[in-house]
């Protein structure tokens, strides 16, 4: 029998797998730094950066507007 990994799950199973990951795992420092860089790049290029801005504000990052 094939081992179940996140790469061979059905769509519904994958969504359940993602929900099972603790939210704190997504809020580590390197992840926030990545979002900060994406936010700055999108802001500079004039793209829509509202999702990144919302995520950063939720995690207590001060943004210079």
PDB file of N, CA and C in Angstrom:
ATOM      1  N   UNK A   1       0.834  -1.180   0.000  1.00  0.00           N
ATOM      2  CA  UNK A   1       0.000   0.000   0.000  1.00  0.00           C
ATOM      3  C   UNK A   1       0.884   1.250   0.000  1.00  0.00           C
ATOM      4  N   UNK A   2       0.449   2.248  -0.750  1.00  0.00           N
ATOM      5  CA  UNK A   2       1.211   3.482  -0.904  1.00  0.00           C
ATOM      6  C   UNK A   2       1.116   4.343   0.356  1.00  0.00           C
ATOM      7  N   UNK A   3       2.259   4.891   0.788  1.00  0.00           N
ATOM      8  CA  UNK A   3       2.264   5.759   1.965  1.00  0.00           C
ATOM      9  C   UNK A   3       1.596   7.094   1.622  1.00  0.00           C
ATOM     10  N   UNK A   4       0.741   7.581   2.532  1.00  0.00           N
ATOM     11  CA  UNK A   4       0.054   8.852   2.306  1.00  0.00           C
ATOM     12  C   UNK A   4       0.975  10.001   2.714  1.00  0.00           C
ATOM     13  N   UNK A   5       1.251  10.866   1.781  1.00  0.00           N
ATOM     14  CA  UNK A   5       2.019  12.078   2.066  1.00  0.00           C
ATOM     15  C   UNK A   5       1.213  13.267   1.584  1.00  0.00           C
ATOM     16  N   UNK A   6       1.682  14.471   1.897  1.00  0.00           N
ATOM     17  CA  UNK A   6       0.947  15.657   1.467  1.00  0.00           C
ATOM     18  C   UNK A   6       0.953  15.803  -0.053  1.00  0.00           C
ATOM     19  N   UNK A   7       1.824  15.069  -0.748  1.00  0.00           N
ATOM     20  CA  UNK A   7       1.922  15.197  -2.202  1.00  0.00           C
ATOM     21  C   UNK A   7       0.971  14.283  -2.962  1.00  0.00           C
ATOM     22  N   UNK A   8       0.479  13.224  -2.324  1.00  0.00           N
ATOM     23  CA  UNK A   8      -0.423  12.333  -3.048  1.00  0.00           C
ATOM     24  C   UNK A   8      -1.813  12.251  -2.414  1.00  0.00           C
ATOM     25  N   UNK A   9      -2.216  13.299  -1.697  1.00  0.00           N
ATOM     26  CA  UNK A   9      -3.550  13.345  -1.106  1.00  0.00           C
ATOM     27  C   UNK A   9      -4.545  13.913  -2.108  1.00  0.00           C
ATOM     28  N   UNK A  10      -5.800  13.558  -1.926  1.00  0.00           N
ATOM     29  CA  UNK A  10      -6.838  14.191  -2.744  1.00  0.00           C
ATOM     30  C   UNK A  10      -6.982  15.633  -2.278  1.00  0.00           C
ATOM     31  N   UNK A  11      -7.679  16.447  -3.040  1.00  0.00           N
ATOM     32  CA  UNK A  11      -7.817  17.868  -2.710  1.00  0.00           C
ATOM     33  C   UNK A  11      -8.414  18.063  -1.317  1.00  0.00           C
ATOM     34  N   UNK A  12      -9.484  17.342  -1.005  1.00  0.00           N
ATOM     35  CA  UNK A  12     -10.144  17.477   0.302  1.00  0.00           C
ATOM     36  C   UNK A  12      -9.217  17.039   1.435  1.00  0.00           C
ATOM     37  N   UNK A  13      -8.498  15.947   1.229  1.00  0.00           N
ATOM     38  CA  UNK A  13      -7.563  15.459   2.244  1.00  0.00           C
ATOM     39  C   UNK A  13      -6.428  16.461   2.464  1.00  0.00           C
ATOM     40  N   UNK A  14      -5.970  17.085   1.375  1.00  0.00           N
ATOM     41  CA  UNK A  14      -4.895  18.067   1.485  1.00  0.00           C
ATOM     42  C   UNK A  14      -5.350  19.282   2.287  1.00  0.00           C
ATOM     43  N   UNK A  15      -6.579  19.749   2.041  1.00  0.00           N
ATOM     44  CA  UNK A  15      -7.103  20.895   2.785  1.00  0.00           C
ATOM     45  C   UNK A  15      -7.208  20.573   4.275  1.00  0.00           C
ATOM     46  N   UNK A  16      -7.622  19.349   4.601  1.00  0.00           N
ATOM     47  CA  UNK A  16      -7.680  18.927   6.005  1.00  0.00           C
ATOM     48  C   UNK A  16      -6.278  18.856   6.617  1.00  0.00           C
ATOM     49  N   UNK A  17      -5.303  18.423   5.810  1.00  0.00           N
ATOM     50  CA  UNK A  17      -3.914  18.351   6.270  1.00  0.00           C
ATOM     51  C   UNK A  17      -3.404  19.754   6.616  1.00  0.00           C
ATOM     52  N   UNK A  18      -3.683  20.728   5.756  1.00  0.00           N
ATOM     53  CA  UNK A  18      -3.249  22.109   5.982  1.00  0.00           C
ATOM     54  C   UNK A  18      -3.878  22.662   7.267  1.00  0.00           C
ATOM     55  N   UNK A  19      -5.166  22.359   7.484  1.00  0.00           N
ATOM     56  CA  UNK A  19      -5.851  22.839   8.694  1.00  0.00           C
ATOM     57  C   UNK A  19      -5.242  22.243   9.963  1.00  0.00           C
ATOM     58  N   UNK A  20      -4.645  21.063   9.839  1.00  0.00           N
ATOM     59  CA  UNK A  20      -4.090  20.402  11.019  1.00  0.00           C
ATOM     60  C   UNK A  20      -2.741  20.982  11.443  1.00  0.00           C
ATOM     61  N   UNK A  21      -2.117  21.794  10.585  1.00  0.00           N
ATOM     62  CA  UNK A  21      -0.829  22.399  10.925  1.00  0.00           C
ATOM     63  C   UNK A  21      -1.076  23.563  11.877  1.00  0.00           C
ATOM     64  N   UNK A  22      -0.383  23.622  12.992  1.00  0.00           N
ATOM     65  CA  UNK A  22      -0.602  24.722  13.939  1.00  0.00           C
ATOM     66  C   UNK A  22      -0.305  26.077  13.305  1.00  0.00           C
ATOM     67  N   UNK A  23      -1.149  27.065  13.604  1.00  0.00           N
ATOM     68  CA  UNK A  23      -0.984  28.393  13.018  1.00  0.00           C
ATOM     69  C   UNK A  23       0.364  28.997  13.400  1.00  0.00           C
ATOM     70  N   UNK A  24       0.869  28.668  14.574  1.00  0.00           N
ATOM     71  CA  UNK A  24       2.148  29.229  15.020  1.00  0.00           C
ATOM     72  C   UNK A  24       3.293  28.844  14.088  1.00  0.00           C
ATOM     73  N   UNK A  25       3.154  27.727  13.390  1.00  0.00           N
ATOM     74  CA  UNK A  25       4.195  27.293  12.463  1.00  0.00           C
ATOM     75  C   UNK A  25       4.313  28.259  11.286  1.00  0.00           C
ATOM     76  N   UNK A  26       3.196  28.905  10.919  1.00  0.00           N
ATOM     77  CA  UNK A  26       3.215  29.837   9.804  1.00  0.00           C
ATOM     78  C   UNK A  26       3.691  31.218  10.230  1.00  0.00           C
ATOM     79  N   UNK A  27       3.747  31.485  11.518  1.00  0.00           N
ATOM     80  CA  UNK A  27       4.081  32.818  11.999  1.00  0.00           C
ATOM     81  C   UNK A  27       5.519  32.924  12.490  1.00  0.00           C
ATOM     82  N   UNK A  28       6.382  32.036  12.016  1.00  0.00           N
ATOM     83  CA  UNK A  28       7.762  32.140  12.465  1.00  0.00           C
ATOM     84  C   UNK A  28       8.456  33.318  11.782  1.00  0.00           C
ATOM     85  N   UNK A  29       9.594  33.695  12.297  1.00  0.00           N
ATOM     86  CA  UNK A  29      10.275  34.918  11.861  1.00  0.00           C
ATOM     87  C   UNK A  29      10.625  34.907  10.372  1.00  0.00           C
ATOM     88  N   UNK A  30      11.117  33.804   9.850  1.00  0.00           N
ATOM     89  CA  UNK A  30      11.510  33.760   8.441  1.00  0.00           C
ATOM     90  C   UNK A  30      10.301  33.912   7.526  1.00  0.00           C
ATOM     91  N   UNK A  31       9.165  33.355   7.943  1.00  0.00           N
ATOM     92  CA  UNK A  31       7.944  33.470   7.138  1.00  0.00           C
ATOM     93  C   UNK A  31       7.477  34.921   7.094  1.00  0.00           C
ATOM     94  N   UNK A  32       7.550  35.613   8.222  1.00  0.00           N
ATOM     95  CA  UNK A  32       7.145  37.018   8.281  1.00  0.00           C
ATOM     96  C   UNK A  32       8.104  37.875   7.457  1.00  0.00           C
ATOM     97  N   UNK A  33       9.402  37.569   7.502  1.00  0.00           N
ATOM     98  CA  UNK A  33      10.380  38.315   6.693  1.00  0.00           C
ATOM     99  C   UNK A  33      10.087  38.143   5.206  1.00  0.00           C
ATOM    100  N   UNK A  34       9.719  36.921   4.810  1.00  0.00           N
ATOM    101  CA  UNK A  34       9.369  36.660   3.409  1.00  0.00           C
ATOM    102  C   UNK A  34       8.177  37.518   2.992  1.00  0.00           C
ATOM    103  N   UNK A  35       7.129  37.544   3.816  1.00  0.00           N
ATOM    104  CA  UNK A  35       5.945  38.343   3.496  1.00  0.00           C
ATOM    105  C   UNK A  35       6.294  39.826   3.425  1.00  0.00           C
ATOM    106  N   UNK A  36       7.215  40.265   4.283  1.00  0.00           N
ATOM    107  CA  UNK A  36       7.639  41.667   4.279  1.00  0.00           C
ATOM    108  C   UNK A  36       8.305  42.018   2.950  1.00  0.00           C
ATOM    109  N   UNK A  37       9.164  41.114   2.454  1.00  0.00           N
ATOM    110  CA  UNK A  37       9.852  41.354   1.181  1.00  0.00           C
ATOM    111  C   UNK A  37       8.864  41.357   0.020  1.00  0.00           C
ATOM    112  N   UNK A  38       7.906  40.435   0.032  1.00  0.00           N
ATOM    113  CA  UNK A  38       6.887  40.387  -1.021  1.00  0.00           C
ATOM    114  C   UNK A  38       6.049  41.657  -0.984  1.00  0.00           C
ATOM    115  N   UNK A  39       5.684  42.103   0.223  1.00  0.00           N
ATOM    116  CA  UNK A  39       4.898  43.328   0.398  1.00  0.00           C
ATOM    117  C   UNK A  39       5.634  44.524  -0.196  1.00  0.00           C
ATOM    118  N   UNK A  40       6.923  44.657   0.153  1.00  0.00           N
ATOM    119  CA  UNK A  40       7.709  45.789  -0.340  1.00  0.00           C
ATOM    120  C   UNK A  40       7.864  45.750  -1.857  1.00  0.00           C
ATOM    121  N   UNK A  41       8.088  44.562  -2.417  1.00  0.00           N
ATOM    122  CA  UNK A  41       8.251  44.439  -3.869  1.00  0.00           C
ATOM    123  C   UNK A  41       6.953  44.774  -4.602  1.00  0.00           C
ATOM    124  N   UNK A  42       5.828  44.263  -4.090  1.00  0.00           N
ATOM    125  CA  UNK A  42       4.540  44.543  -4.731  1.00  0.00           C
ATOM    126  C   UNK A  42       4.186  46.020  -4.619  1.00  0.00           C
ATOM    127  N   UNK A  43       4.489  46.624  -3.469  1.00  0.00           N
ATOM    128  CA  UNK A  43       4.195  48.047  -3.265  1.00  0.00           C
ATOM    129  C   UNK A  43       5.016  48.893  -4.236  1.00  0.00           C
ATOM    130  N   UNK A  44       6.276  48.510  -4.420  1.00  0.00           N
ATOM    131  CA  UNK A  44       7.178  49.239  -5.315  1.00  0.00           C
ATOM    132  C   UNK A  44       6.732  49.123  -6.774  1.00  0.00           C
ATOM    133  N   UNK A  45       6.250  47.937  -7.160  1.00  0.00           N
ATOM    134  CA  UNK A  45       5.850  47.713  -8.553  1.00  0.00           C
ATOM    135  C   UNK A  45       4.422  48.171  -8.839  1.00  0.00           C
ATOM    136  N   UNK A  46       3.675  48.507  -7.795  1.00  0.00           N
ATOM    137  CA  UNK A  46       2.301  48.980  -7.990  1.00  0.00           C
ATOM    138  C   UNK A  46       1.272  47.865  -8.049  1.00  0.00           C
ATOM    139  N   UNK A  47       1.655  46.643  -7.687  1.00  0.00           N
ATOM    140  CA  UNK A  47       0.713  45.512  -7.669  1.00  0.00           C
ATOM    141  C   UNK A  47      -0.169  45.578  -6.427  1.00  0.00           C
ATOM    142  N   UNK A  48      -1.188  44.711  -6.398  1.00  0.00           N
ATOM    143  CA  UNK A  48      -2.083  44.647  -5.236  1.00  0.00           C
ATOM    144  C   UNK A  48      -1.369  43.918  -4.095  1.00  0.00           C
ATOM    145  N   UNK A  49      -1.159  44.603  -2.998  1.00  0.00           N
ATOM    146  CA  UNK A  49      -0.446  44.029  -1.855  1.00  0.00           C
ATOM    147  C   UNK A  49      -1.320  43.959  -0.607  1.00  0.00           C
ATOM    148  N   UNK A  50      -2.627  44.000  -0.763  1.00  0.00           N
ATOM    149  CA  UNK A  50      -3.534  44.042   0.387  1.00  0.00           C
ATOM    150  C   UNK A  50      -3.457  42.777   1.253  1.00  0.00           C
ATOM    151  N   UNK A  51      -3.304  41.602   0.634  1.00  0.00           N
ATOM    152  CA  UNK A  51      -3.235  40.359   1.415  1.00  0.00           C
ATOM    153  C   UNK A  51      -1.988  40.337   2.295  1.00  0.00           C
ATOM    154  N   UNK A  52      -0.858  40.736   1.717  1.00  0.00           N
ATOM    155  CA  UNK A  52       0.382  40.760   2.485  1.00  0.00           C
ATOM    156  C   UNK A  52       0.299  41.788   3.611  1.00  0.00           C
ATOM    157  N   UNK A  53      -0.280  42.958   3.299  1.00  0.00           N
ATOM    158  CA  UNK A  53      -0.423  44.014   4.296  1.00  0.00           C
ATOM    159  C   UNK A  53      -1.283  43.536   5.468  1.00  0.00           C
ATOM    160  N   UNK A  54      -2.386  42.859   5.170  1.00  0.00           N
ATOM    161  CA  UNK A  54      -3.288  42.346   6.203  1.00  0.00           C
ATOM    162  C   UNK A  54      -2.565  41.313   7.076  1.00  0.00           C
ATOM    163  N   UNK A  55      -1.849  40.381   6.432  1.00  0.00           N
ATOM    164  CA  UNK A  55      -1.128  39.340   7.166  1.00  0.00           C
ATOM    165  C   UNK A  55      -0.094  39.953   8.108  1.00  0.00           C
ATOM    166  N   UNK A  56       0.665  40.924   7.599  1.00  0.00           N
ATOM    167  CA  UNK A  56       1.710  41.543   8.412  1.00  0.00           C
ATOM    168  C   UNK A  56       1.117  42.321   9.584  1.00  0.00           C
ATOM    169  N   UNK A  57       0.023  43.039   9.351  1.00  0.00           N
ATOM    170  CA  UNK A  57      -0.610  43.796  10.433  1.00  0.00           C
ATOM    171  C   UNK A  57      -1.168  42.857  11.503  1.00  0.00           C
ATOM    172  N   UNK A  58      -1.734  41.716  11.078  1.00  0.00           N
ATOM    173  CA  UNK A  58      -2.264  40.731  12.031  1.00  0.00           C
ATOM    174  C   UNK A  58      -1.162  40.174  12.927  1.00  0.00           C
ATOM    175  N   UNK A  59       0.056  40.122  12.400  1.00  0.00           N
ATOM    176  CA  UNK A  59       1.175  39.565  13.159  1.00  0.00           C
ATOM    177  C   UNK A  59       2.026  40.632  13.834  1.00  0.00           C
ATOM    178  N   UNK A  60       1.481  41.843  13.937  1.00  0.00           N
ATOM    179  CA  UNK A  60       2.124  42.897  14.717  1.00  0.00           C
ATOM    180  C   UNK A  60       3.321  43.565  14.082  1.00  0.00           C
ATOM    181  N   UNK A  61       3.432  43.503  12.750  1.00  0.00           N
ATOM    182  CA  UNK A  61       4.547  44.161  12.076  1.00  0.00           C
ATOM    183  C   UNK A  61       4.138  45.589  11.741  1.00  0.00           C
ATOM    184  N   UNK A  62       4.969  46.551  12.143  1.00  0.00           N
ATOM    185  CA  UNK A  62       4.681  47.961  11.846  1.00  0.00           C
ATOM    186  C   UNK A  62       5.088  48.246  10.406  1.00  0.00           C
ATOM    187  N   UNK A  63       4.152  48.801   9.639  1.00  0.00           N
ATOM    188  CA  UNK A  63       4.419  49.133   8.242  1.00  0.00           C
ATOM    189  C   UNK A  63       4.483  50.642   8.097  1.00  0.00           C
ATOM    190  N   UNK A  64       5.490  51.112   7.374  1.00  0.00           N
ATOM    191  CA  UNK A  64       5.584  52.554   7.140  1.00  0.00           C
ATOM    192  C   UNK A  64       4.796  52.898   5.879  1.00  0.00           C
ATOM    193  N   UNK A  65       3.697  53.596   6.064  1.00  0.00           N
ATOM    194  CA  UNK A  65       2.818  53.933   4.939  1.00  0.00           C
ATOM    195  C   UNK A  65       3.171  55.274   4.346  1.00  0.00           C
TER     196      UNK A  65
END
